[in-house]
C-alpha atoms as a PDB file:
ATOM      1  CA  MET A   1      16.147  62.501 -45.606  1.00  0.00           C
ATOM      2  CA  ARG A   2      15.118  58.972 -44.761  1.00  0.00           C
ATOM      3  CA  ARG A   3      13.037  58.044 -41.738  1.00  0.00           C
ATOM      4  CA  PHE A   4      13.783  55.192 -39.394  1.00  0.00           C
ATOM      5  CA  VAL A   5      12.086  54.097 -36.193  1.00  0.00           C
ATOM      6  CA  LEU A   6      13.046  52.454 -32.933  1.00  0.00           C
ATOM      7  CA  VAL A   7      10.682  49.605 -32.114  1.00  0.00           C
ATOM      8  CA  GLU A   8      11.376  47.300 -29.172  1.00  0.00           C
ATOM      9  CA  GLY A   9      15.067  48.171 -29.142  1.00  0.00           C
ATOM     10  CA  ARG A  10      15.638  47.630 -32.873  1.00  0.00           C
ATOM     11  CA  LEU A  11      16.023  50.199 -35.601  1.00  0.00           C
ATOM     12  CA  ALA A  12      14.057  49.785 -38.826  1.00  0.00           C
ATOM     13  CA  TRP A  13      13.665  51.845 -41.996  1.00  0.00           C
ATOM     14  CA  ASP A  14      10.288  53.498 -42.475  1.00  0.00           C
ATOM     15  CA  PRO A  15      10.105  54.582 -46.139  1.00  0.00           C
ATOM     16  CA  GLU A  16       6.341  55.169 -46.007  1.00  0.00           C
ATOM     17  CA  ARG A  17       6.694  57.180 -42.780  1.00  0.00           C
ATOM     18  CA  ARG A  18       3.821  55.332 -41.130  1.00  0.00           C
ATOM     19  CA  ARG A  19       5.371  52.827 -38.715  1.00  0.00           C
ATOM     20  CA  GLY A  20       4.793  53.145 -35.015  1.00  0.00           C
ATOM     21  CA  GLY A  21       7.548  53.819 -32.532  1.00  0.00           C
ATOM     22  CA  ARG A  22       9.882  56.730 -32.035  1.00  0.00           C
ATOM     23  CA  GLY A  23      11.089  58.076 -35.382  1.00  0.00           C
ATOM     24  CA  ALA A  24      14.120  60.001 -36.595  1.00  0.00           C
ATOM     25  CA  TYR A  25      15.579  61.091 -39.919  1.00  0.00           C
ATOM     26  CA  LEU A  26      18.954  60.483 -41.528  1.00  0.00           C
ATOM     27  CA  HIS A  27      20.367  62.739 -44.230  1.00  0.00           C
ATOM     28  CA  SER A  28      21.759  61.088 -47.368  1.00  0.00           C
ATOM     29  CA  ASP A  29      25.170  62.764 -47.092  1.00  0.00           C
ATOM     30  CA  ALA A  30      27.981  60.222 -46.495  1.00  0.00           C
ATOM     31  CA  LYS A  31      29.329  62.402 -43.692  1.00  0.00           C
ATOM     32  CA  CYS A  32      25.965  62.207 -41.883  1.00  0.00           C
ATOM     33  CA  VAL A  33      25.766  58.425 -42.313  1.00  0.00           C
ATOM     34  CA  ALA A  34      29.315  58.017 -40.941  1.00  0.00           C
ATOM     35  CA  GLY A  35      28.529  60.292 -37.995  1.00  0.00           C
ATOM     36  CA  PHE A  36      25.347  58.365 -37.277  1.00  0.00           C
ATOM     37  CA  THR A  37      27.226  55.082 -36.865  1.00  0.00           C
ATOM     38  CA  SER A  38      30.066  56.530 -34.778  1.00  0.00           C
ATOM     39  CA  ARG A  39      28.442  59.027 -32.390  1.00  0.00           C
ATOM     40  CA  LYS A  40      27.628  58.483 -28.742  1.00  0.00           C
ATOM     41  CA  PRO A  41      24.923  55.882 -27.962  1.00  0.00           C
ATOM     42  CA  PHE A  42      22.216  58.339 -26.879  1.00  0.00           C
ATOM     43  CA  LEU A  43      20.148  59.574 -29.832  1.00  0.00           C
ATOM     44  CA  ARG A  44      18.133  62.570 -28.690  1.00  0.00           C
ATOM     45  CA  SER A  45      15.546  62.295 -31.461  1.00  0.00           C
ATOM     46  CA  LEU A  46      14.751  58.740 -30.377  1.00  0.00           C
ATOM     47  CA  ARG A  47      15.066  59.517 -26.659  1.00  0.00           C
ATOM     48  CA  ALA A  48      17.044  56.305 -26.262  1.00  0.00           C
ATOM     49  CA  SER A  49      20.530  54.839 -26.308  1.00  0.00           C
ATOM     50  CA  VAL A  50      21.213  52.715 -29.378  1.00  0.00           C
ATOM     51  CA  ALA A  51      24.459  50.764 -29.693  1.00  0.00           C
ATOM     52  CA  SER A  52      26.687  51.629 -32.626  1.00  0.00           C
ATOM     53  CA  ALA A  53      26.429  47.983 -33.769  1.00  0.00           C
ATOM     54  CA  GLU A  54      22.637  48.380 -34.070  1.00  0.00           C
ATOM     55  CA  ARG A  55      23.087  51.620 -36.029  1.00  0.00           C
ATOM     56  CA  ALA A  56      25.629  49.925 -38.306  1.00  0.00           C
ATOM     57  CA  ARG A  57      23.161  47.041 -38.844  1.00  0.00           C
ATOM     58  CA  LEU A  58      20.482  49.547 -39.915  1.00  0.00           C
ATOM     59  CA  ILE A  59      22.830  51.136 -42.456  1.00  0.00           C
ATOM     60  CA  ALA A  60      23.956  47.718 -43.771  1.00  0.00           C
ATOM     61  CA  GLU A  61      20.388  46.462 -44.145  1.00  0.00           C
ATOM     62  CA  ARG A  62      18.968  49.455 -45.940  1.00  0.00           C
ATOM     63  CA  PRO A  63      17.086  48.569 -49.134  1.00  0.00           C
ATOM     64  CA  ALA A  64      18.578  49.515 -52.497  1.00  0.00           C
ATOM     65  CA  SER A  65      16.185  52.453 -52.877  1.00  0.00           C
ATOM     66  CA  VAL A  66      17.325  53.827 -49.527  1.00  0.00           C
ATOM     67  CA  ARG A  67      20.957  53.026 -50.321  1.00  0.00           C
ATOM     68  CA  GLU A  68      20.743  55.312 -53.319  1.00  0.00           C
ATOM     69  CA  PHE A  69      18.790  57.903 -51.315  1.00  0.00           C
ATOM     70  CA  SER A  70      16.768  58.558 -54.426  1.00  0.00           C
ATOM     71  CA  MET A  71      14.713  61.718 -54.138  1.00  0.00           C
ATOM     72  CA  ALA A  72      12.547  60.784 -57.122  1.00  0.00           C
ATOM     73  CA  LYS A  73       9.489  60.085 -54.958  1.00  0.00           C
ATOM     74  CA  LYS A  74       6.534  62.236 -55.934  1.00  0.00           C
ATOM     75  CA  THR A  75       4.723  64.587 -53.605  1.00  0.00           C
ATOM     76  CA  VAL A  76       1.189  65.933 -53.323  1.00  0.00           C
ATOM     77  CA  SER A  77       2.480  69.002 -55.178  1.00  0.00           C
ATOM     78  CA  ASP A  78       3.148  66.766 -58.210  1.00  0.00           C
ATOM     79  CA  LEU A  79      -0.392  65.398 -57.975  1.00  0.00           C
ATOM     80  CA  LEU A  80      -1.804  68.934 -57.936  1.00  0.00           C
ATOM     81  CA  LYS A  81       0.055  69.637 -61.202  1.00  0.00           C
ATOM     82  CA  GLU A  82      -1.475  66.508 -62.773  1.00  0.00           C
ATOM     83  CA  LEU A  83      -4.998  67.549 -61.733  1.00  0.00           C
ATOM     84  CA  PRO A  84      -5.376  71.104 -63.004  1.00  0.00           C
ATOM     85  CA  GLY A  85      -8.586  72.793 -61.945  1.00  0.00           C
ATOM     86  CA  THR A  86      -8.920  70.655 -58.816  1.00  0.00           C
ATOM     87  CA  GLU A  87      -8.864  72.552 -55.531  1.00  0.00           C
ATOM     88  CA  ARG A  88      -5.950  71.819 -53.225  1.00  0.00           C
ATOM     89  CA  LYS A  89      -8.236  71.500 -50.203  1.00  0.00           C
ATOM     90  CA  ASP A  90     -10.302  68.855 -52.033  1.00  0.00           C
ATOM     91  CA  ILE A  91      -7.228  66.763 -52.809  1.00  0.00           C
ATOM     92  CA  PHE A  92      -5.996  67.129 -49.214  1.00  0.00           C
ATOM     93  CA  ALA A  93      -9.397  65.969 -47.917  1.00  0.00           C
ATOM     94  CA  TYR A  94      -9.453  63.017 -50.345  1.00  0.00           C
ATOM     95  CA  LEU A  95      -5.938  61.870 -49.339  1.00  0.00           C
ATOM     96  CA  GLU A  96      -6.727  62.248 -45.644  1.00  0.00           C
ATOM     97  CA  LYS A  97      -9.815  60.044 -46.126  1.00  0.00           C
ATOM     98  CA  GLN A  98      -7.540  57.498 -47.820  1.00  0.00           C
ATOM     99  CA  GLY A  99      -5.434  57.302 -44.658  1.00  0.00           C
ATOM    100  CA  LYS A 100      -2.540  59.628 -45.497  1.00  0.00           C
ATOM    101  CA  GLY A 101      -2.939  61.512 -42.202  1.00  0.00           C
ATOM    102  CA  LYS A 102      -2.212  65.246 -42.172  1.00  0.00           C
ATOM    103  CA  VAL A 103      -1.406  66.228 -45.756  1.00  0.00           C
ATOM    104  CA  SER A 104       0.649  69.105 -47.152  1.00  0.00           C
ATOM    105  CA  THR A 105       2.061  69.803 -50.609  1.00  0.00           C
ATOM    106  CA  LYS A 106       5.342  68.146 -49.523  1.00  0.00           C
ATOM    107  CA  THR A 107       3.725  64.889 -48.359  1.00  0.00           C
ATOM    108  CA  PRO A 108       5.251  61.916 -50.249  1.00  0.00           C
ATOM    109  CA  ILE A 109       2.795  60.004 -52.402  1.00  0.00           C
ATOM    110  CA  SER A 110       3.178  56.752 -54.349  1.00  0.00           C
ATOM    111  CA  ASP A 111       2.417  56.284 -58.040  1.00  0.00           C
ATOM    112  CA  ASP A 112      -0.548  54.089 -57.091  1.00  0.00           C
ATOM    113  CA  GLU A 113      -1.970  56.830 -54.870  1.00  0.00           C
ATOM    114  CA  ILE A 114      -1.579  59.321 -57.723  1.00  0.00           C
ATOM    115  CA  GLU A 115      -3.400  56.981 -60.124  1.00  0.00           C
ATOM    116  CA  HIS A 116      -6.218  56.388 -57.625  1.00  0.00           C
ATOM    117  CA  ALA A 117      -6.638  60.123 -57.076  1.00  0.00           C
ATOM    118  CA  LYS A 118      -6.698  60.756 -60.834  1.00  0.00           C
ATOM    119  CA  GLU A 119      -9.358  58.057 -61.226  1.00  0.00           C
ATOM    120  CA  HIS A 120     -11.346  59.573 -58.361  1.00  0.00           C
ATOM    121  CA  TYR A 121     -11.328  62.966 -60.083  1.00  0.00           C
ATOM    122  CA  GLY A 122     -12.153  61.447 -63.486  1.00  0.00           C
ATOM    123  CA  GLN A 123      -8.793  62.123 -65.103  1.00  0.00           C
ATOM    124  CA  GLY A 124      -7.377  58.606 -65.253  1.00  0.00           C
ATOM    125  CA  PRO A 125      -8.311  55.171 -66.569  1.00  0.00           C
ATOM    126  CA  ARG A 126     -11.042  53.313 -64.706  1.00  0.00           C
ATOM    127  CA  ARG A 127     -10.100  49.835 -63.528  1.00  0.00           C
ATOM    128  CA  ARG A 128     -12.668  47.091 -63.969  1.00  0.00           C
END
């Protein structure tokens, strides 16, 4: 599922799930994408009417990573596996201090965030 937001009447992809504005999710299935561009203008999740042309523009402008709907992004669960012996609550607290917001094991996390966490817990290379 890929998140997009409605900001000032325009739809935009939100791969990091941090942008402001009303958000909604689109499933990667081709049937869902086709339905998204052809359904009635009112999108309940966004609480707004969005023209089909605007929805088609969003689909056409999606970045290559979104186009492929790659699910290879790592989660906090993957980080926990890379830091054996570290308490889950400690990692959650660390990530929340880093600005991740409310964290769960399914929260997406970038490779850089994983490396920083490993460095923080003394299990990765120190940058100088």
